Amino acid sequence: MKEQKRKKAKLFNLKMFPLDIAKILCTPTLLFFRIKKIYTSDTAKKKLRGGMLIAANHTCIMDPLILCACFWYRRIFYLTAEAVMDRKKLRGFLLKKLGCVRINRDICDIESIRSATDVVKNGHVLALFPQGGIKEDNIESIKSGIILLAMQSRVPIVPCYIHNKSGFGDRNCVVIGDPIDIFENGTFPAMKEINNLAQTVMEKMTECKAIYEESKEKRK
């Protein structure tokens, strides 16, 4: 199968104006979060270009802002639980304008999946927390929905590990792994391979965590 060239997002887009203004106004958060980036390889150091999915752990409500500050040069969208988006209409409207894509985790939400797929097909970055909601700092399982999104949109998955600072002397840290291209063999993955691919993403996220722990030990 011939490799499909991924679309790049437009630099100027009126539809993205609220999101772009919010990013500009939130620029001081770069200093507040003081994010330390760790890359697993030289390949991981390359700036994200075109549509991509980010798979990260989720232990704190600030994680979306940390990812936004980490990848400040890109517009990042987030899959957001229906309960958060629908609880208050005004908040839901603002979150949508700021890049949140509503999804119902309890059902196969076709409309939300289509909206999420459109985001990455249009060259943007979509961040997911595939463990499903805020969890303890253990990456033991992830949902396979991220693989389905990657299959439908034909974009790579970037595994990440987020460490939230625990004290004044600590720093927020994001470990960024190599993009996982599930189409690297030029063929469309079979449905039976979805769970195996999800396991691969989870293992790469775990490797990112291990690299952070190793760097932490070296600093002692």
N, C-alpha and C. Protein backbone atom coordinates (compact mmCIF):
# COMPACT_ATOMS: atom_id res chain seq x y z
N MET A 1 0.84 -1.20 0.00
CA MET A 1 0.00 0.00 0.00
C MET A 1 0.88 1.25 0.00
N LYS A 2 0.61 2.16 -0.88
CA LYS A 2 1.40 3.37 -0.99
C LYS A 2 1.18 4.27 0.21
N GLU A 3 2.31 4.78 0.77
CA GLU A 3 2.21 5.63 1.96
C GLU A 3 1.48 6.93 1.62
N GLN A 4 0.54 7.28 2.47
CA GLN A 4 -0.25 8.50 2.26
C GLN A 4 0.39 9.68 2.96
N LYS A 5 0.57 10.76 2.23
CA LYS A 5 1.17 11.95 2.82
C LYS A 5 0.20 12.61 3.76
N ARG A 6 0.65 12.91 4.98
CA ARG A 6 -0.24 13.48 5.98
C ARG A 6 -0.40 14.98 5.75
N LYS A 7 -1.61 15.44 5.95
CA LYS A 7 -1.93 16.85 5.77
C LYS A 7 -1.37 17.68 6.92
N LYS A 8 -0.89 18.88 6.59
CA LYS A 8 -0.40 19.81 7.62
C LYS A 8 -1.45 20.86 7.91
N ALA A 9 -1.56 21.25 9.17
CA ALA A 9 -2.55 22.24 9.56
C ALA A 9 -2.17 23.62 9.01
N LYS A 10 -3.18 24.41 8.72
CA LYS A 10 -2.95 25.77 8.24
C LYS A 10 -2.45 26.64 9.39
N LEU A 11 -1.46 27.49 9.09
CA LEU A 11 -0.94 28.38 10.12
C LEU A 11 -1.98 29.40 10.54
N PHE A 12 -2.70 29.96 9.56
CA PHE A 12 -3.75 30.95 9.84
C PHE A 12 -5.10 30.33 9.52
N ASN A 13 -5.95 30.28 10.51
CA ASN A 13 -7.26 29.66 10.34
C ASN A 13 -8.25 30.38 11.26
N LEU A 14 -9.22 31.06 10.68
CA LEU A 14 -10.18 31.83 11.47
C LEU A 14 -10.96 30.96 12.46
N LYS A 15 -11.22 29.71 12.07
CA LYS A 15 -11.94 28.82 12.96
C LYS A 15 -11.16 28.51 14.22
N MET A 16 -9.83 28.61 14.12
CA MET A 16 -8.95 28.31 15.26
C MET A 16 -8.62 29.58 16.07
N PHE A 17 -9.24 30.72 15.72
CA PHE A 17 -8.89 31.99 16.36
C PHE A 17 -9.04 31.94 17.89
N PRO A 18 -10.16 31.45 18.45
CA PRO A 18 -10.27 31.40 19.93
C PRO A 18 -9.17 30.57 20.56
N LEU A 19 -8.83 29.43 19.92
CA LEU A 19 -7.78 28.57 20.46
C LEU A 19 -6.42 29.25 20.39
N ASP A 20 -6.15 29.94 19.28
CA ASP A 20 -4.87 30.63 19.13
C ASP A 20 -4.73 31.77 20.13
N ILE A 21 -5.81 32.52 20.34
CA ILE A 21 -5.77 33.61 21.33
C ILE A 21 -5.52 33.05 22.73
N ALA A 22 -6.18 31.94 23.05
CA ALA A 22 -5.99 31.32 24.37
C ALA A 22 -4.54 30.88 24.55
N LYS A 23 -3.92 30.34 23.50
CA LYS A 23 -2.52 29.92 23.60
C LYS A 23 -1.61 31.11 23.85
N ILE A 24 -1.89 32.23 23.17
CA ILE A 24 -1.07 33.43 23.36
C ILE A 24 -1.21 33.96 24.79
N LEU A 25 -2.46 34.01 25.28
CA LEU A 25 -2.71 34.52 26.63
C LEU A 25 -2.10 33.62 27.70
N CYS A 26 -1.98 32.34 27.37
CA CYS A 26 -1.45 31.38 28.35
C CYS A 26 0.06 31.18 28.23
N THR A 27 0.70 31.98 27.40
CA THR A 27 2.15 31.86 27.23
C THR A 27 2.92 31.90 28.57
N PRO A 28 2.52 32.75 29.54
CA PRO A 28 3.23 32.76 30.82
C PRO A 28 3.25 31.41 31.55
N THR A 29 2.33 30.50 31.18
CA THR A 29 2.32 29.19 31.84
C THR A 29 3.59 28.40 31.54
N LEU A 30 4.28 28.76 30.45
CA LEU A 30 5.54 28.09 30.14
C LEU A 30 6.54 28.27 31.28
N LEU A 31 6.53 29.47 31.87
CA LEU A 31 7.41 29.75 33.01
C LEU A 31 6.88 29.11 34.29
N PHE A 32 5.55 29.11 34.42
CA PHE A 32 4.94 28.55 35.63
C PHE A 32 5.20 27.05 35.74
N PHE A 33 5.00 26.32 34.64
CA PHE A 33 5.14 24.86 34.70
C PHE A 33 6.60 24.42 34.70
N ARG A 34 7.51 25.23 34.13
CA ARG A 34 8.93 24.88 34.09
C ARG A 34 9.13 23.43 33.65
N ILE A 35 8.64 23.13 32.49
CA ILE A 35 8.63 21.74 32.03
C ILE A 35 10.01 21.31 31.55
N LYS A 36 10.43 20.17 32.06
CA LYS A 36 11.66 19.54 31.59
C LYS A 36 11.26 18.45 30.59
N LYS A 37 11.86 18.50 29.40
CA LYS A 37 11.56 17.50 28.38
C LYS A 37 12.68 16.47 28.32
N ILE A 38 12.30 15.23 28.24
CA ILE A 38 13.25 14.14 28.06
C ILE A 38 12.81 13.36 26.83
N TYR A 39 13.75 13.10 25.94
CA TYR A 39 13.43 12.37 24.72
C TYR A 39 14.07 10.99 24.77
N THR A 40 13.36 10.01 24.25
CA THR A 40 13.88 8.65 24.27
C THR A 40 14.91 8.40 23.18
N SER A 41 14.95 9.27 22.17
CA SER A 41 15.91 9.11 21.07
C SER A 41 15.97 10.41 20.27
N ASP A 42 16.88 10.46 19.32
CA ASP A 42 16.98 11.63 18.45
C ASP A 42 15.73 11.77 17.58
N THR A 43 15.12 10.64 17.22
CA THR A 43 13.90 10.69 16.43
C THR A 43 12.78 11.36 17.21
N ALA A 44 12.70 11.09 18.50
CA ALA A 44 11.65 11.67 19.34
C ALA A 44 11.83 13.18 19.49
N LYS A 45 13.04 13.69 19.27
CA LYS A 45 13.32 15.12 19.43
C LYS A 45 12.72 15.96 18.31
N LYS A 46 12.43 15.32 17.19
CA LYS A 46 11.91 16.08 16.06
C LYS A 46 10.54 16.67 16.39
N LYS A 47 10.31 17.90 15.97
CA LYS A 47 9.04 18.55 16.23
C LYS A 47 7.90 17.81 15.54
N LEU A 48 6.75 17.78 16.21
CA LEU A 48 5.59 17.10 15.64
C LEU A 48 5.10 17.85 14.41
N ARG A 49 5.00 17.15 13.30
CA ARG A 49 4.51 17.74 12.05
C ARG A 49 3.33 16.93 11.55
N GLY A 50 2.30 17.61 11.09
CA GLY A 50 1.13 16.92 10.57
C GLY A 50 0.25 16.35 11.67
N GLY A 51 -0.77 15.63 11.27
CA GLY A 51 -1.68 15.05 12.24
C GLY A 51 -1.03 13.94 13.05
N MET A 52 -1.28 13.94 14.34
CA MET A 52 -0.72 12.92 15.23
C MET A 52 -1.62 12.73 16.43
N LEU A 53 -1.47 11.58 17.07
CA LEU A 53 -2.14 11.31 18.34
C LEU A 53 -1.09 11.25 19.43
N ILE A 54 -1.38 11.86 20.56
CA ILE A 54 -0.50 11.77 21.73
C ILE A 54 -1.17 10.89 22.77
N ALA A 55 -0.46 9.87 23.22
CA ALA A 55 -0.97 8.97 24.26
C ALA A 55 -0.18 9.22 25.53
N ALA A 56 -0.84 9.71 26.59
CA ALA A 56 -0.14 10.05 27.82
C ALA A 56 -0.90 9.52 29.04
N ASN A 57 -0.17 9.34 30.13
CA ASN A 57 -0.81 8.98 31.40
C ASN A 57 -1.54 10.21 31.94
N HIS A 58 -2.42 9.98 32.90
CA HIS A 58 -3.26 11.09 33.39
C HIS A 58 -3.44 10.92 34.90
N THR A 59 -2.67 11.70 35.67
CA THR A 59 -2.75 11.61 37.13
C THR A 59 -3.20 12.91 37.79
N CYS A 60 -3.34 13.97 36.98
CA CYS A 60 -3.64 15.28 37.55
C CYS A 60 -4.49 16.08 36.57
N ILE A 61 -5.35 16.93 37.10
CA ILE A 61 -6.22 17.76 36.27
C ILE A 61 -5.43 18.75 35.43
N MET A 62 -4.16 19.00 35.80
CA MET A 62 -3.33 19.95 35.06
C MET A 62 -2.64 19.33 33.85
N ASP A 63 -2.77 18.03 33.66
CA ASP A 63 -2.05 17.34 32.58
C ASP A 63 -2.31 17.95 31.20
N PRO A 64 -3.55 18.30 30.83
CA PRO A 64 -3.77 18.92 29.51
C PRO A 64 -2.98 20.21 29.33
N LEU A 65 -2.90 21.02 30.39
CA LEU A 65 -2.15 22.27 30.30
C LEU A 65 -0.65 22.01 30.18
N ILE A 66 -0.18 20.96 30.84
CA ILE A 66 1.24 20.60 30.76
C ILE A 66 1.59 20.18 29.34
N LEU A 67 0.73 19.38 28.72
CA LEU A 67 0.98 18.97 27.34
C LEU A 67 0.92 20.17 26.40
N CYS A 68 -0.02 21.07 26.66
CA CYS A 68 -0.15 22.27 25.84
C CYS A 68 1.12 23.12 25.93
N ALA A 69 1.68 23.24 27.13
CA ALA A 69 2.91 24.01 27.32
C ALA A 69 4.11 23.28 26.72
N CYS A 70 4.08 21.96 26.77
CA CYS A 70 5.19 21.15 26.24
C CYS A 70 5.26 21.27 24.72
N PHE A 71 4.11 21.15 24.08
CA PHE A 71 4.04 21.25 22.61
C PHE A 71 3.43 22.59 22.23
N TRP A 72 4.03 23.67 22.73
CA TRP A 72 3.48 25.01 22.59
C TRP A 72 3.38 25.45 21.13
N TYR A 73 4.16 24.86 20.25
CA TYR A 73 4.21 25.28 18.85
C TYR A 73 3.10 24.64 18.01
N ARG A 74 2.26 23.79 18.62
CA ARG A 74 1.17 23.14 17.90
C ARG A 74 -0.17 23.42 18.57
N ARG A 75 -1.23 23.39 17.78
CA ARG A 75 -2.59 23.41 18.33
C ARG A 75 -2.90 21.99 18.79
N ILE A 76 -3.26 21.85 20.06
CA ILE A 76 -3.56 20.52 20.59
C ILE A 76 -5.03 20.45 20.97
N PHE A 77 -5.68 19.40 20.52
CA PHE A 77 -7.07 19.12 20.87
C PHE A 77 -7.09 17.95 21.85
N TYR A 78 -8.17 17.88 22.64
CA TYR A 78 -8.26 16.84 23.66
C TYR A 78 -9.61 16.13 23.61
N LEU A 79 -9.57 14.81 23.73
CA LEU A 79 -10.82 14.08 23.93
C LEU A 79 -11.25 14.34 25.37
N THR A 80 -12.48 14.82 25.55
CA THR A 80 -12.97 15.22 26.87
C THR A 80 -14.28 14.50 27.17
N ALA A 81 -14.41 14.00 28.39
CA ALA A 81 -15.58 13.22 28.78
C ALA A 81 -16.86 14.03 28.64
N GLU A 82 -17.92 13.34 28.25
CA GLU A 82 -19.23 13.96 28.07
C GLU A 82 -19.69 14.66 29.35
N ALA A 83 -19.41 14.06 30.51
CA ALA A 83 -19.86 14.63 31.78
C ALA A 83 -19.26 16.01 32.01
N VAL A 84 -18.02 16.20 31.58
CA VAL A 84 -17.36 17.50 31.75
C VAL A 84 -17.92 18.53 30.78
N MET A 85 -18.17 18.11 29.54
CA MET A 85 -18.63 19.03 28.50
C MET A 85 -20.09 19.42 28.68
N ASP A 86 -20.92 18.49 29.15
CA ASP A 86 -22.36 18.72 29.17
C ASP A 86 -22.91 19.23 30.50
N ARG A 87 -22.07 19.25 31.52
CA ARG A 87 -22.57 19.64 32.84
C ARG A 87 -23.10 21.07 32.85
N LYS A 88 -22.39 21.97 32.19
CA LYS A 88 -22.83 23.36 32.07
C LYS A 88 -22.64 23.80 30.64
N LYS A 89 -23.69 24.37 30.04
CA LYS A 89 -23.66 24.71 28.62
C LYS A 89 -22.56 25.71 28.28
N LEU A 90 -22.41 26.74 29.12
CA LEU A 90 -21.39 27.76 28.84
C LEU A 90 -20.00 27.15 28.89
N ARG A 91 -19.75 26.33 29.90
CA ARG A 91 -18.43 25.71 30.01
C ARG A 91 -18.19 24.78 28.83
N GLY A 92 -19.22 24.03 28.44
CA GLY A 92 -19.08 23.14 27.30
C GLY A 92 -18.76 23.89 26.03
N PHE A 93 -19.41 25.04 25.83
CA PHE A 93 -19.17 25.87 24.66
C PHE A 93 -17.73 26.39 24.64
N LEU A 94 -17.25 26.86 25.80
CA LEU A 94 -15.88 27.39 25.88
C LEU A 94 -14.85 26.29 25.68
N LEU A 95 -15.08 25.12 26.29
CA LEU A 95 -14.14 24.02 26.13
C LEU A 95 -14.04 23.57 24.67
N LYS A 96 -15.18 23.58 23.99
CA LYS A 96 -15.17 23.20 22.57
C LYS A 96 -14.34 24.19 21.76
N LYS A 97 -14.50 25.48 22.04
CA LYS A 97 -13.73 26.50 21.32
C LYS A 97 -12.25 26.40 21.65
N LEU A 98 -11.93 25.86 22.83
CA LEU A 98 -10.53 25.76 23.25
C LEU A 98 -9.91 24.41 22.88
N GLY A 99 -10.60 23.65 22.05
CA GLY A 99 -9.98 22.44 21.51
C GLY A 99 -10.41 21.13 22.12
N CYS A 100 -11.49 21.12 22.89
CA CYS A 100 -11.95 19.87 23.49
C CYS A 100 -12.97 19.18 22.57
N VAL A 101 -12.82 17.90 22.42
CA VAL A 101 -13.72 17.09 21.60
C VAL A 101 -14.51 16.17 22.53
N ARG A 102 -15.81 16.36 22.57
CA ARG A 102 -16.68 15.62 23.48
C ARG A 102 -16.76 14.14 23.09
N ILE A 103 -16.71 13.26 24.11
CA ILE A 103 -16.87 11.84 23.85
C ILE A 103 -17.57 11.16 25.02
N ASN A 104 -18.42 10.22 24.72
CA ASN A 104 -19.11 9.42 25.73
C ASN A 104 -18.35 8.10 25.86
N ARG A 105 -17.71 7.89 27.01
CA ARG A 105 -16.89 6.69 27.20
C ARG A 105 -17.71 5.42 27.37
N ASP A 106 -19.00 5.57 27.65
CA ASP A 106 -19.83 4.40 27.96
C ASP A 106 -20.41 3.72 26.74
N ILE A 107 -20.40 4.40 25.59
CA ILE A 107 -20.97 3.82 24.38
C ILE A 107 -20.02 4.04 23.22
N CYS A 108 -20.31 3.38 22.10
CA CYS A 108 -19.54 3.61 20.87
C CYS A 108 -20.06 4.90 20.24
N ASP A 109 -19.40 6.00 20.56
CA ASP A 109 -19.86 7.32 20.17
C ASP A 109 -19.34 7.65 18.76
N ILE A 110 -20.10 7.26 17.74
CA ILE A 110 -19.67 7.40 16.35
C ILE A 110 -19.43 8.86 15.98
N GLU A 111 -20.33 9.75 16.43
CA GLU A 111 -20.20 11.17 16.09
C GLU A 111 -18.91 11.75 16.66
N SER A 112 -18.59 11.40 17.90
CA SER A 112 -17.37 11.90 18.52
C SER A 112 -16.13 11.33 17.85
N ILE A 113 -16.19 10.06 17.49
CA ILE A 113 -15.06 9.44 16.80
C ILE A 113 -14.82 10.13 15.47
N ARG A 114 -15.90 10.47 14.77
CA ARG A 114 -15.77 11.18 13.49
C ARG A 114 -15.15 12.56 13.71
N SER A 115 -15.58 13.26 14.76
CA SER A 115 -15.03 14.59 15.05
C SER A 115 -13.54 14.49 15.39
N ALA A 116 -13.17 13.48 16.18
CA ALA A 116 -11.77 13.30 16.56
C ALA A 116 -10.92 12.95 15.35
N THR A 117 -11.46 12.12 14.48
CA THR A 117 -10.73 11.74 13.26
C THR A 117 -10.53 12.95 12.36
N ASP A 118 -11.54 13.81 12.25
CA ASP A 118 -11.42 15.02 11.43
C ASP A 118 -10.31 15.93 11.93
N VAL A 119 -10.15 16.00 13.26
CA VAL A 119 -9.11 16.85 13.84
C VAL A 119 -7.73 16.46 13.32
N VAL A 120 -7.40 15.17 13.41
CA VAL A 120 -6.06 14.75 12.99
C VAL A 120 -5.93 14.69 11.47
N LYS A 121 -7.02 14.39 10.77
CA LYS A 121 -6.96 14.39 9.31
C LYS A 121 -6.69 15.79 8.77
N ASN A 122 -7.08 16.81 9.53
CA ASN A 122 -6.84 18.20 9.13
C ASN A 122 -5.46 18.70 9.59
N GLY A 123 -4.63 17.77 10.05
CA GLY A 123 -3.24 18.11 10.35
C GLY A 123 -2.97 18.54 11.78
N HIS A 124 -3.95 18.39 12.68
CA HIS A 124 -3.76 18.82 14.06
C HIS A 124 -3.31 17.66 14.95
N VAL A 125 -2.98 18.00 16.19
CA VAL A 125 -2.57 17.01 17.18
C VAL A 125 -3.73 16.77 18.14
N LEU A 126 -4.04 15.51 18.37
CA LEU A 126 -5.10 15.15 19.31
C LEU A 126 -4.48 14.37 20.46
N ALA A 127 -4.65 14.88 21.69
CA ALA A 127 -4.10 14.22 22.87
C ALA A 127 -5.17 13.37 23.54
N LEU A 128 -4.79 12.16 23.91
CA LEU A 128 -5.69 11.25 24.60
C LEU A 128 -5.03 10.72 25.85
N PHE A 129 -5.84 10.41 26.83
CA PHE A 129 -5.38 9.74 28.03
C PHE A 129 -6.02 8.35 28.01
N PRO A 130 -5.38 7.40 27.31
CA PRO A 130 -6.03 6.12 26.99
C PRO A 130 -6.29 5.20 28.16
N GLN A 131 -5.83 5.58 29.36
CA GLN A 131 -6.18 4.78 30.53
C GLN A 131 -7.65 5.01 30.91
N GLY A 132 -8.20 6.13 30.46
CA GLY A 132 -9.60 6.43 30.75
C GLY A 132 -9.76 7.17 32.06
N GLY A 133 -9.70 8.51 32.02
CA GLY A 133 -9.85 9.32 33.23
C GLY A 133 -8.57 9.41 34.03
N ILE A 134 -8.65 10.11 35.17
CA ILE A 134 -7.49 10.29 36.04
C ILE A 134 -7.23 9.00 36.82
N LYS A 135 -5.98 8.51 36.73
CA LYS A 135 -5.60 7.25 37.37
C LYS A 135 -4.38 7.46 38.25
N GLU A 136 -4.06 6.43 39.05
CA GLU A 136 -2.82 6.45 39.81
C GLU A 136 -1.65 6.33 38.85
N ASP A 137 -0.45 6.60 39.36
CA ASP A 137 0.73 6.64 38.50
C ASP A 137 1.22 5.24 38.15
N ASN A 138 0.32 4.41 37.66
CA ASN A 138 0.66 3.06 37.21
C ASN A 138 0.03 2.85 35.83
N ILE A 139 0.85 2.50 34.85
CA ILE A 139 0.35 2.29 33.50
C ILE A 139 0.18 0.78 33.31
N GLU A 140 -0.98 0.28 33.67
CA GLU A 140 -1.22 -1.16 33.65
C GLU A 140 -2.11 -1.60 32.50
N SER A 141 -2.93 -0.69 31.99
CA SER A 141 -3.80 -1.04 30.86
C SER A 141 -4.27 0.25 30.19
N ILE A 142 -4.56 0.15 28.90
CA ILE A 142 -5.11 1.28 28.17
C ILE A 142 -6.24 0.78 27.29
N LYS A 143 -7.09 1.69 26.90
CA LYS A 143 -8.22 1.34 26.03
C LYS A 143 -7.75 1.32 24.58
N SER A 144 -8.35 0.44 23.80
CA SER A 144 -7.92 0.24 22.41
C SER A 144 -8.47 1.29 21.45
N GLY A 145 -9.31 2.21 21.95
CA GLY A 145 -9.90 3.23 21.08
C GLY A 145 -8.86 4.06 20.36
N ILE A 146 -7.70 4.27 20.98
CA ILE A 146 -6.66 5.08 20.34
C ILE A 146 -6.15 4.39 19.08
N ILE A 147 -6.13 3.07 19.08
CA ILE A 147 -5.70 2.34 17.89
C ILE A 147 -6.72 2.50 16.77
N LEU A 148 -8.00 2.45 17.12
CA LEU A 148 -9.05 2.63 16.12
C LEU A 148 -8.97 4.01 15.49
N LEU A 149 -8.69 5.04 16.32
CA LEU A 149 -8.55 6.39 15.78
C LEU A 149 -7.35 6.49 14.84
N ALA A 150 -6.24 5.85 15.23
CA ALA A 150 -5.05 5.87 14.39
C ALA A 150 -5.31 5.15 13.07
N MET A 151 -6.08 4.07 13.13
CA MET A 151 -6.39 3.32 11.92
C MET A 151 -7.26 4.14 10.97
N GLN A 152 -8.25 4.83 11.54
CA GLN A 152 -9.18 5.60 10.71
C GLN A 152 -8.54 6.85 10.12
N SER A 153 -7.65 7.47 10.89
CA SER A 153 -7.04 8.73 10.45
C SER A 153 -5.66 8.53 9.82
N ARG A 154 -5.09 7.33 9.98
CA ARG A 154 -3.79 6.99 9.39
C ARG A 154 -2.69 7.94 9.87
N VAL A 155 -2.59 8.13 11.17
CA VAL A 155 -1.55 8.98 11.74
C VAL A 155 -0.79 8.20 12.81
N PRO A 156 0.45 8.61 13.12
CA PRO A 156 1.23 7.94 14.15
C PRO A 156 0.73 8.29 15.56
N ILE A 157 1.17 7.50 16.53
CA ILE A 157 0.86 7.72 17.94
C ILE A 157 2.15 8.04 18.66
N VAL A 158 2.18 9.14 19.40
CA VAL A 158 3.37 9.54 20.16
C VAL A 158 3.15 9.19 21.64
N PRO A 159 3.87 8.20 22.18
CA PRO A 159 3.72 7.85 23.59
C PRO A 159 4.45 8.85 24.48
N CYS A 160 3.83 9.23 25.58
CA CYS A 160 4.43 10.19 26.51
C CYS A 160 4.20 9.74 27.96
N TYR A 161 5.06 10.23 28.83
CA TYR A 161 4.85 10.05 30.26
C TYR A 161 4.94 11.42 30.92
N ILE A 162 3.94 11.78 31.73
CA ILE A 162 3.90 13.06 32.42
C ILE A 162 4.19 12.86 33.90
N HIS A 163 5.19 13.58 34.39
CA HIS A 163 5.45 13.60 35.84
C HIS A 163 5.04 14.97 36.37
N ASN A 164 4.11 14.99 37.30
CA ASN A 164 3.69 16.24 37.92
C ASN A 164 4.55 16.51 39.15
N LYS A 165 5.04 17.75 39.25
CA LYS A 165 5.94 18.06 40.35
C LYS A 165 5.25 17.87 41.69
N SER A 166 6.02 17.37 42.67
CA SER A 166 5.47 17.06 43.98
C SER A 166 5.93 18.01 45.07
N GLY A 167 6.78 18.97 44.70
CA GLY A 167 7.27 19.91 45.70
C GLY A 167 7.94 21.09 45.05
N PHE A 168 8.41 22.04 45.86
CA PHE A 168 9.01 23.26 45.35
C PHE A 168 10.26 22.98 44.52
N GLY A 169 11.07 22.04 44.97
CA GLY A 169 12.31 21.74 44.26
C GLY A 169 12.14 20.82 43.08
N ASP A 170 10.95 20.32 42.89
CA ASP A 170 10.67 19.39 41.81
C ASP A 170 10.23 20.16 40.56
N ARG A 171 10.25 19.49 39.40
CA ARG A 171 9.82 20.10 38.16
C ARG A 171 8.85 19.18 37.42
N ASN A 172 7.92 19.79 36.72
CA ASN A 172 7.09 19.00 35.82
C ASN A 172 7.98 18.47 34.70
N CYS A 173 7.72 17.24 34.32
CA CYS A 173 8.56 16.62 33.30
C CYS A 173 7.67 15.84 32.32
N VAL A 174 8.02 15.90 31.04
CA VAL A 174 7.34 15.10 30.02
C VAL A 174 8.39 14.30 29.26
N VAL A 175 8.24 12.99 29.29
CA VAL A 175 9.12 12.12 28.51
C VAL A 175 8.41 11.80 27.20
N ILE A 176 9.07 12.08 26.09
CA ILE A 176 8.48 11.94 24.76
C ILE A 176 9.15 10.78 24.03
N GLY A 177 8.34 9.82 23.60
CA GLY A 177 8.87 8.65 22.91
C GLY A 177 8.81 8.76 21.40
N ASP A 178 9.37 7.76 20.73
CA ASP A 178 9.33 7.71 19.27
C ASP A 178 7.90 7.51 18.79
N PRO A 179 7.51 8.19 17.71
CA PRO A 179 6.17 7.96 17.14
C PRO A 179 6.00 6.49 16.73
N ILE A 180 4.83 5.96 17.01
CA ILE A 180 4.50 4.59 16.63
C ILE A 180 3.61 4.64 15.40
N ASP A 181 4.12 4.13 14.29
CA ASP A 181 3.37 4.13 13.04
C ASP A 181 2.80 2.74 12.82
N ILE A 182 1.52 2.58 13.02
CA ILE A 182 0.93 1.26 12.89
C ILE A 182 0.79 0.83 11.43
N PHE A 183 1.15 1.73 10.51
CA PHE A 183 1.11 1.40 9.09
C PHE A 183 2.53 1.29 8.52
N GLU A 184 3.52 1.08 9.39
CA GLU A 184 4.91 1.09 8.93
C GLU A 184 5.21 -0.01 7.91
N ASN A 185 4.42 -1.08 7.94
CA ASN A 185 4.63 -2.16 6.96
C ASN A 185 3.87 -1.92 5.66
N GLY A 186 3.15 -0.79 5.59
CA GLY A 186 2.43 -0.45 4.37
C GLY A 186 1.11 -1.17 4.22
N THR A 187 0.66 -1.86 5.26
CA THR A 187 -0.60 -2.58 5.21
C THR A 187 -1.51 -2.14 6.35
N PHE A 188 -2.79 -2.30 6.14
CA PHE A 188 -3.79 -1.93 7.14
C PHE A 188 -3.87 -3.04 8.20
N PRO A 189 -3.68 -2.72 9.48
CA PRO A 189 -3.69 -3.75 10.52
C PRO A 189 -5.03 -4.50 10.55
N ALA A 190 -4.96 -5.80 10.78
CA ALA A 190 -6.18 -6.60 10.91
C ALA A 190 -6.82 -6.30 12.25
N MET A 191 -8.13 -6.49 12.33
CA MET A 191 -8.87 -6.18 13.56
C MET A 191 -8.33 -6.97 14.75
N LYS A 192 -7.86 -8.20 14.51
CA LYS A 192 -7.37 -9.03 15.61
C LYS A 192 -6.06 -8.48 16.20
N GLU A 193 -5.41 -7.56 15.48
CA GLU A 193 -4.15 -7.00 15.96
C GLU A 193 -4.35 -5.78 16.85
N ILE A 194 -5.58 -5.29 16.99
CA ILE A 194 -5.83 -4.06 17.73
C ILE A 194 -5.34 -4.16 19.17
N ASN A 195 -5.67 -5.25 19.86
CA ASN A 195 -5.26 -5.41 21.26
C ASN A 195 -3.73 -5.48 21.37
N ASN A 196 -3.09 -6.13 20.41
CA ASN A 196 -1.63 -6.20 20.42
C ASN A 196 -1.00 -4.83 20.23
N LEU A 197 -1.60 -4.04 19.34
CA LEU A 197 -1.10 -2.68 19.11
C LEU A 197 -1.30 -1.80 20.33
N ALA A 198 -2.45 -1.96 21.00
CA ALA A 198 -2.71 -1.21 22.24
C ALA A 198 -1.68 -1.60 23.30
N GLN A 199 -1.33 -2.89 23.35
CA GLN A 199 -0.31 -3.35 24.30
C GLN A 199 1.04 -2.70 23.99
N THR A 200 1.34 -2.57 22.69
CA THR A 200 2.60 -1.93 22.29
C THR A 200 2.65 -0.48 22.74
N VAL A 201 1.54 0.25 22.56
CA VAL A 201 1.48 1.65 23.00
C VAL A 201 1.68 1.74 24.51
N MET A 202 1.02 0.85 25.25
CA MET A 202 1.15 0.85 26.70
C MET A 202 2.60 0.57 27.12
N GLU A 203 3.25 -0.37 26.44
CA GLU A 203 4.64 -0.69 26.76
C GLU A 203 5.55 0.50 26.49
N LYS A 204 5.30 1.23 25.42
CA LYS A 204 6.12 2.40 25.10
C LYS A 204 5.90 3.52 26.12
N MET A 205 4.65 3.68 26.59
CA MET A 205 4.38 4.66 27.65
C MET A 205 5.11 4.25 28.93
N THR A 206 5.13 2.95 29.22
CA THR A 206 5.83 2.44 30.40
C THR A 206 7.33 2.66 30.28
N GLU A 207 7.87 2.50 29.06
CA GLU A 207 9.29 2.75 28.83
C GLU A 207 9.62 4.23 29.10
N CYS A 208 8.72 5.12 28.69
CA CYS A 208 8.92 6.55 28.94
C CYS A 208 8.99 6.81 30.45
N LYS A 209 8.11 6.14 31.20
CA LYS A 209 8.13 6.30 32.66
C LYS A 209 9.44 5.78 33.24
N ALA A 210 9.91 4.64 32.73
CA ALA A 210 11.16 4.06 33.22
C ALA A 210 12.35 4.98 32.95
N ILE A 211 12.33 5.65 31.79
CA ILE A 211 13.40 6.59 31.46
C ILE A 211 13.38 7.77 32.42
N TYR A 212 12.17 8.23 32.79
CA TYR A 212 12.09 9.32 33.77
C TYR A 212 12.66 8.87 35.11
N GLU A 213 12.28 7.67 35.56
CA GLU A 213 12.77 7.16 36.84
C GLU A 213 14.29 7.03 36.83
N GLU A 214 14.83 6.61 35.70
CA GLU A 214 16.28 6.47 35.58
C GLU A 214 16.97 7.83 35.66
N SER A 215 16.40 8.83 34.99
CA SER A 215 16.98 10.17 35.04
C SER A 215 16.90 10.75 36.45
N LYS A 216 15.82 10.40 37.15
CA LYS A 216 15.64 10.87 38.52
C LYS A 216 16.72 10.30 39.44
N GLU A 217 17.04 9.03 39.24
CA GLU A 217 18.08 8.40 40.05
C GLU A 217 19.45 9.01 39.78
N LYS A 218 19.70 9.37 38.53
CA LYS A 218 20.99 9.95 38.17
C LYS A 218 21.18 11.32 38.80
N ARG A 219 20.06 12.03 39.06
CA ARG A 219 20.17 13.38 39.61
C ARG A 219 20.40 13.37 41.12
N LYS A 220 20.21 12.22 41.74
CA LYS A 220 20.39 12.14 43.21
C LYS A 220 21.85 12.17 43.58
